[in-house]
Amino acid sequence: MAFEAGGEGRRIRSVHDLGVLLIEDDDFTRKLISRLLHDIKVRVVFEAADGVQALDILRKSGEDVDIAICDLEMPRMGGLDLLHALRTATGNPLADLPVVVLTSHREAEVVKRAIAYGVSGYLVKPVSKADLVKRLEFAMQKRG
């Protein structure tokens, strides 16, 4: 699995500097969160309906992606499978890409599995603008 280098060279001072990859299979939810991201004025938003599309975007535009927001339950390739692919691909410069998990799950088991893959945050649907900003800022701080 080959990936382009992530946005490590770019200086990120605020959420406005972020390139965000939004991965969500539900069209309504994806459009809603995309609008929230545009409202908070992130630098760029890429959208994918599943993990397969997300990997394709990362191969083509990975250098412009600073953080991913990823649903867990999706057809073809779900969020946990995508996280596994990102974290374990040999020579993957995006292995440390901050990922905020987006889900309607609140069960401890699902949360523990996501944490085991090194997620940078957790958003429970429905997502508010304030929660979204808070999670993006936290993920940026965690990355350093």
C-alpha atoms as a PDB file:
ATOM      1  CA  MET A   1       0.000   0.000   0.000  1.00  0.00           C
ATOM      2  CA  ALA A   2       1.754   3.189  -1.163  1.00  0.00           C
ATOM      3  CA  PHE A   3       0.941   6.602   0.261  1.00  0.00           C
ATOM      4  CA  GLU A   4       2.168  10.072  -0.448  1.00  0.00           C
ATOM      5  CA  ALA A   5       3.842  11.992   2.353  1.00  0.00           C
ATOM      6  CA  GLY A   6       1.444  13.710   4.742  1.00  0.00           C
ATOM      7  CA  GLY A   7       1.364  17.379   5.633  1.00  0.00           C
ATOM      8  CA  GLU A   8       4.325  17.157   8.024  1.00  0.00           C
ATOM      9  CA  GLY A   9       6.155  20.065   6.399  1.00  0.00           C
ATOM     10  CA  ARG A  10       3.270  22.486   6.736  1.00  0.00           C
ATOM     11  CA  ARG A  11       3.015  24.525   9.920  1.00  0.00           C
ATOM     12  CA  ILE A  12      -0.371  24.090  11.589  1.00  0.00           C
ATOM     13  CA  ARG A  13      -1.258  26.876  13.984  1.00  0.00           C
ATOM     14  CA  SER A  14      -5.048  26.605  14.092  1.00  0.00           C
ATOM     15  CA  VAL A  15      -7.937  24.561  12.742  1.00  0.00           C
ATOM     16  CA  HIS A  16      -7.959  26.957   9.752  1.00  0.00           C
ATOM     17  CA  ASP A  17      -4.651  25.420   8.598  1.00  0.00           C
ATOM     18  CA  LEU A  18      -6.013  21.859   8.528  1.00  0.00           C
ATOM     19  CA  GLY A  19      -6.626  19.664   5.525  1.00  0.00           C
ATOM     20  CA  VAL A  20      -9.403  17.302   6.626  1.00  0.00           C
ATOM     21  CA  LEU A  21     -10.385  13.962   5.131  1.00  0.00           C
ATOM     22  CA  LEU A  22     -14.004  13.233   6.080  1.00  0.00           C
ATOM     23  CA  ILE A  23     -14.948   9.563   5.725  1.00  0.00           C
ATOM     24  CA  GLU A  24     -18.670   8.880   6.212  1.00  0.00           C
ATOM     25  CA  ASP A  25     -21.017   6.639   4.232  1.00  0.00           C
ATOM     26  CA  ASP A  26     -24.269   8.463   5.065  1.00  0.00           C
ATOM     27  CA  ASP A  27     -24.673  11.288   2.529  1.00  0.00           C
ATOM     28  CA  PHE A  28     -26.713  13.521   4.838  1.00  0.00           C
ATOM     29  CA  THR A  29     -24.257  13.194   7.735  1.00  0.00           C
ATOM     30  CA  ARG A  30     -21.248  13.670   5.444  1.00  0.00           C
ATOM     31  CA  LYS A  31     -22.741  16.849   3.938  1.00  0.00           C
ATOM     32  CA  LEU A  32     -23.674  18.167   7.380  1.00  0.00           C
ATOM     33  CA  ILE A  33     -20.174  17.644   8.820  1.00  0.00           C
ATOM     34  CA  SER A  34     -18.578  18.968   5.623  1.00  0.00           C
ATOM     35  CA  ARG A  35     -20.662  22.141   6.026  1.00  0.00           C
ATOM     36  CA  LEU A  36     -19.541  22.436   9.669  1.00  0.00           C
ATOM     37  CA  LEU A  37     -15.907  22.051   8.561  1.00  0.00           C
ATOM     38  CA  HIS A  38     -16.374  24.772   5.928  1.00  0.00           C
ATOM     39  CA  ASP A  39     -18.126  26.973   8.519  1.00  0.00           C
ATOM     40  CA  ILE A  40     -15.112  26.744  10.843  1.00  0.00           C
ATOM     41  CA  LYS A  41     -12.943  27.516   7.805  1.00  0.00           C
ATOM     42  CA  VAL A  42     -10.558  24.567   7.646  1.00  0.00           C
ATOM     43  CA  ARG A  43      -8.098  24.863   4.750  1.00  0.00           C
ATOM     44  CA  VAL A  44      -9.535  22.016   2.648  1.00  0.00           C
ATOM     45  CA  VAL A  45     -12.059  19.188   3.000  1.00  0.00           C
ATOM     46  CA  PHE A  46     -11.786  15.889   1.143  1.00  0.00           C
ATOM     47  CA  GLU A  47     -14.800  13.568   1.279  1.00  0.00           C
ATOM     48  CA  ALA A  48     -14.999   9.778   1.033  1.00  0.00           C
ATOM     49  CA  ALA A  49     -17.961   7.412   1.436  1.00  0.00           C
ATOM     50  CA  ASP A  50     -15.878   4.499   2.759  1.00  0.00           C
ATOM     51  CA  GLY A  51     -12.361   3.363   3.603  1.00  0.00           C
ATOM     52  CA  VAL A  52     -11.604   2.302   0.024  1.00  0.00           C
ATOM     53  CA  GLN A  53     -12.311   5.818  -1.289  1.00  0.00           C
ATOM     54  CA  ALA A  54     -10.361   7.265   1.649  1.00  0.00           C
ATOM     55  CA  LEU A  55      -7.260   5.227   0.788  1.00  0.00           C
ATOM     56  CA  ASP A  56      -7.536   6.402  -2.821  1.00  0.00           C
ATOM     57  CA  ILE A  57      -7.705  10.047  -1.693  1.00  0.00           C
ATOM     58  CA  LEU A  58      -4.726   9.515   0.631  1.00  0.00           C
ATOM     59  CA  ARG A  59      -2.700   7.975  -2.227  1.00  0.00           C
ATOM     60  CA  LYS A  60      -3.461  10.942  -4.492  1.00  0.00           C
ATOM     61  CA  SER A  61      -3.605  13.847  -2.026  1.00  0.00           C
ATOM     62  CA  GLY A  62      -2.108  12.575   1.224  1.00  0.00           C
ATOM     63  CA  GLU A  63       0.284  15.520   1.427  1.00  0.00           C
ATOM     64  CA  ASP A  64      -2.746  17.814   1.829  1.00  0.00           C
ATOM     65  CA  VAL A  65      -4.426  15.752   4.581  1.00  0.00           C
ATOM     66  CA  ASP A  66      -3.533  16.655   8.169  1.00  0.00           C
ATOM     67  CA  ILE A  67      -6.348  14.842   9.965  1.00  0.00           C
ATOM     68  CA  ALA A  68      -9.096  12.346   9.181  1.00  0.00           C
ATOM     69  CA  ILE A  69     -12.595  12.154  10.624  1.00  0.00           C
ATOM     70  CA  CYS A  70     -13.766   8.609  10.117  1.00  0.00           C
ATOM     71  CA  ASP A  71     -17.044   6.783  10.668  1.00  0.00           C
ATOM     72  CA  LEU A  72     -16.698   3.277  12.082  1.00  0.00           C
ATOM     73  CA  GLU A  73     -19.608   1.528  10.343  1.00  0.00           C
ATOM     74  CA  MET A  74     -19.319   1.702   6.542  1.00  0.00           C
ATOM     75  CA  PRO A  75     -19.744  -0.688   3.600  1.00  0.00           C
ATOM     76  CA  ARG A  76     -16.732  -2.118   1.729  1.00  0.00           C
ATOM     77  CA  MET A  77     -14.172  -0.917   4.308  1.00  0.00           C
ATOM     78  CA  GLY A  78     -15.198   0.337   7.734  1.00  0.00           C
ATOM     79  CA  GLY A  79     -13.333   2.688  10.017  1.00  0.00           C
ATOM     80  CA  LEU A  80     -11.524   0.064  12.097  1.00  0.00           C
ATOM     81  CA  ASP A  81     -10.287  -1.685   8.927  1.00  0.00           C
ATOM     82  CA  LEU A  82      -9.114   1.654   7.534  1.00  0.00           C
ATOM     83  CA  LEU A  83      -7.300   2.453  10.795  1.00  0.00           C
ATOM     84  CA  HIS A  84      -5.640  -0.957  10.695  1.00  0.00           C
ATOM     85  CA  ALA A  85      -4.521  -0.373   7.085  1.00  0.00           C
ATOM     86  CA  LEU A  86      -3.139   3.082   7.939  1.00  0.00           C
ATOM     87  CA  ARG A  87      -1.324   1.989  11.080  1.00  0.00           C
ATOM     88  CA  THR A  88       0.239  -1.217   9.732  1.00  0.00           C
ATOM     89  CA  ALA A  89       1.194  -0.509   6.094  1.00  0.00           C
ATOM     90  CA  THR A  90       4.964  -0.845   5.684  1.00  0.00           C
ATOM     91  CA  GLY A  91       6.679   2.447   4.880  1.00  0.00           C
ATOM     92  CA  ASN A  92       3.441   4.397   5.187  1.00  0.00           C
ATOM     93  CA  PRO A  93       4.266   8.062   5.902  1.00  0.00           C
ATOM     94  CA  LEU A  94       0.656   8.540   7.041  1.00  0.00           C
ATOM     95  CA  ALA A  95       0.821   5.851   9.734  1.00  0.00           C
ATOM     96  CA  ASP A  96       0.641   8.593  12.399  1.00  0.00           C
ATOM     97  CA  LEU A  97      -2.146  10.561  10.710  1.00  0.00           C
ATOM     98  CA  PRO A  98      -4.461  11.832  13.458  1.00  0.00           C
ATOM     99  CA  VAL A  99      -7.855  10.152  13.143  1.00  0.00           C
ATOM    100  CA  VAL A 100     -10.979  11.303  14.955  1.00  0.00           C
ATOM    101  CA  VAL A 101     -13.534   8.509  15.056  1.00  0.00           C
ATOM    102  CA  LEU A 102     -17.093   9.448  14.176  1.00  0.00           C
ATOM    103  CA  THR A 103     -19.836   7.080  15.273  1.00  0.00           C
ATOM    104  CA  SER A 104     -23.184   6.622  16.929  1.00  0.00           C
ATOM    105  CA  HIS A 105     -21.668   3.873  19.122  1.00  0.00           C
ATOM    106  CA  ARG A 106     -21.244   4.596  22.795  1.00  0.00           C
ATOM    107  CA  GLU A 107     -20.415   1.037  23.853  1.00  0.00           C
ATOM    108  CA  ALA A 108     -17.178   0.668  25.793  1.00  0.00           C
ATOM    109  CA  GLU A 109     -16.002  -2.249  23.604  1.00  0.00           C
ATOM    110  CA  VAL A 110     -16.199  -0.185  20.408  1.00  0.00           C
ATOM    111  CA  VAL A 111     -14.419   2.721  22.097  1.00  0.00           C
ATOM    112  CA  LYS A 112     -11.664   0.402  23.372  1.00  0.00           C
ATOM    113  CA  ARG A 113     -11.130  -1.106  19.904  1.00  0.00           C
ATOM    114  CA  ALA A 114     -10.833   2.357  18.351  1.00  0.00           C
ATOM    115  CA  ILE A 115      -8.415   3.492  21.084  1.00  0.00           C
ATOM    116  CA  ALA A 116      -6.292   0.384  20.472  1.00  0.00           C
ATOM    117  CA  TYR A 117      -5.748   1.650  16.910  1.00  0.00           C
ATOM    118  CA  GLY A 118      -4.446   4.969  18.190  1.00  0.00           C
ATOM    119  CA  VAL A 119      -7.321   7.305  17.446  1.00  0.00           C
ATOM    120  CA  SER A 120      -6.845  10.970  18.307  1.00  0.00           C
ATOM    121  CA  GLY A 121     -10.399  11.622  19.383  1.00  0.00           C
ATOM    122  CA  TYR A 122     -13.943  10.382  19.398  1.00  0.00           C
ATOM    123  CA  LEU A 123     -17.066  12.188  18.155  1.00  0.00           C
ATOM    124  CA  VAL A 124     -20.532  10.809  18.832  1.00  0.00           C
ATOM    125  CA  LYS A 125     -23.282  11.610  16.318  1.00  0.00           C
ATOM    126  CA  PRO A 126     -25.006  13.987  16.042  1.00  0.00           C
ATOM    127  CA  VAL A 127     -21.964  16.262  15.910  1.00  0.00           C
ATOM    128  CA  SER A 128     -22.085  19.882  17.025  1.00  0.00           C
ATOM    129  CA  LYS A 129     -19.776  22.595  15.700  1.00  0.00           C
ATOM    130  CA  ALA A 130     -18.367  23.150  19.221  1.00  0.00           C
ATOM    131  CA  ASP A 131     -17.559  19.441  19.669  1.00  0.00           C
ATOM    132  CA  LEU A 132     -15.991  19.294  16.215  1.00  0.00           C
ATOM    133  CA  VAL A 133     -13.703  22.271  16.910  1.00  0.00           C
ATOM    134  CA  LYS A 134     -12.776  20.868  20.320  1.00  0.00           C
ATOM    135  CA  ARG A 135     -11.837  17.451  18.865  1.00  0.00           C
ATOM    136  CA  LEU A 136      -9.825  18.980  16.003  1.00  0.00           C
ATOM    137  CA  GLU A 137      -7.907  21.220  18.414  1.00  0.00           C
ATOM    138  CA  PHE A 138      -7.253  18.281  20.762  1.00  0.00           C
ATOM    139  CA  ALA A 139      -5.997  16.117  17.872  1.00  0.00           C
ATOM    140  CA  MET A 140      -3.674  18.931  16.735  1.00  0.00           C
ATOM    141  CA  GLN A 141      -2.210  19.277  20.254  1.00  0.00           C
ATOM    142  CA  LYS A 142      -1.803  15.514  20.562  1.00  0.00           C
ATOM    143  CA  ARG A 143       0.167  15.421  17.318  1.00  0.00           C
ATOM    144  CA  GLY A 144       2.462  18.098  18.714  1.00  0.00           C
END
